[in-house]
Amino acid sequence: MNKKEELVSEGLVSTKLAAEFLGVSRTTLWQLMNRHELPWVHIGRARYIPKRALIQLAVDNLKWSESRFPLK
């Protein structure tokens, strides 16, 4: 399976659900897509976001204090 296939293998979500998952507005979500920080799929008139891409974006931007939240 190539990287693109792996990215979409866990499914796609609408822009509305993607924005809710990330806790951002749909405008911010569109900005992320337009800046190529978040991949998307165009099907018909709608755009869909790979679930795996949403999780990866959140992980890549995760900030925490190791002393308060140690990794197991």
Protein backbone atom coordinates (compact mmCIF):
# COMPACT_ATOMS: atom_id res chain seq x y z
CA MET A 1 0.00 0.00 0.00
CA ASN A 2 1.43 3.41 -0.94
CA LYS A 3 1.42 6.48 1.34
CA LYS A 4 -1.71 8.00 -0.19
CA GLU A 5 -3.61 4.73 0.24
CA GLU A 6 -2.43 4.47 3.85
CA LEU A 7 -3.55 8.03 4.55
CA VAL A 8 -7.14 7.40 3.45
CA SER A 9 -7.35 3.76 4.61
CA GLU A 10 -9.01 4.73 7.92
CA GLY A 11 -11.68 6.77 6.18
CA LEU A 12 -12.58 10.36 5.46
CA VAL A 13 -14.61 12.95 7.35
CA SER A 14 -16.45 16.07 6.25
CA THR A 15 -14.95 19.50 6.79
CA LYS A 16 -17.58 20.13 9.46
CA LEU A 17 -16.57 17.05 11.47
CA ALA A 18 -12.87 17.76 10.91
CA ALA A 19 -13.24 21.29 12.29
CA GLU A 20 -15.15 19.96 15.30
CA PHE A 21 -12.48 17.31 15.96
CA LEU A 22 -9.68 19.90 15.89
CA GLY A 23 -11.71 22.48 17.79
CA VAL A 24 -11.28 25.12 15.11
CA SER A 25 -13.63 27.05 12.86
CA ARG A 26 -14.33 25.86 9.34
CA THR A 27 -12.52 28.99 8.12
CA THR A 28 -9.38 27.93 9.98
CA LEU A 29 -9.74 24.42 8.57
CA TRP A 30 -9.95 25.81 5.04
CA GLN A 31 -6.84 27.91 5.70
CA LEU A 32 -4.98 24.77 6.80
CA MET A 33 -6.04 23.04 3.58
CA ASN A 34 -5.14 26.01 1.39
CA ARG A 35 -1.67 26.25 3.02
CA HIS A 36 -1.21 22.52 2.34
CA GLU A 37 -0.88 21.78 6.06
CA LEU A 38 -3.82 19.40 5.87
CA PRO A 39 -4.49 17.07 2.94
CA TRP A 40 -7.96 16.74 1.53
CA VAL A 41 -9.92 14.82 -1.08
CA HIS A 42 -12.32 16.49 -3.49
CA ILE A 43 -15.33 14.26 -4.21
CA GLY A 44 -18.14 15.89 -6.14
CA ARG A 45 -18.63 19.37 -4.69
CA ALA A 46 -17.38 18.45 -1.22
CA ARG A 47 -13.96 18.19 0.40
CA TYR A 48 -13.15 15.41 2.82
CA ILE A 49 -10.23 15.07 5.22
CA PRO A 50 -8.49 11.77 5.97
CA LYS A 51 -9.01 10.83 9.64
CA ARG A 52 -5.36 9.87 9.94
CA ALA A 53 -4.30 13.36 8.76
CA LEU A 54 -6.37 14.98 11.51
CA ILE A 55 -4.77 12.82 14.18
CA GLN A 56 -1.30 13.47 12.78
CA LEU A 57 -1.88 17.24 12.70
CA ALA A 58 -2.97 17.16 16.35
CA VAL A 59 0.04 15.02 17.34
CA ASP A 60 2.47 17.24 15.43
CA ASN A 61 1.17 20.31 17.27
CA LEU A 62 0.87 18.69 20.70
CA LYS A 63 2.63 20.56 23.46
CA TRP A 64 2.81 19.32 27.03
CA SER A 65 4.86 19.37 30.15
CA GLU A 66 6.71 16.08 30.62
CA SER A 67 6.69 16.58 34.39
CA ARG A 68 2.90 17.03 34.52
CA PHE A 69 1.98 14.41 31.93
CA PRO A 70 4.76 11.80 31.71
CA LEU A 71 4.69 9.49 28.73
CA LYS A 72 4.26 5.87 29.69
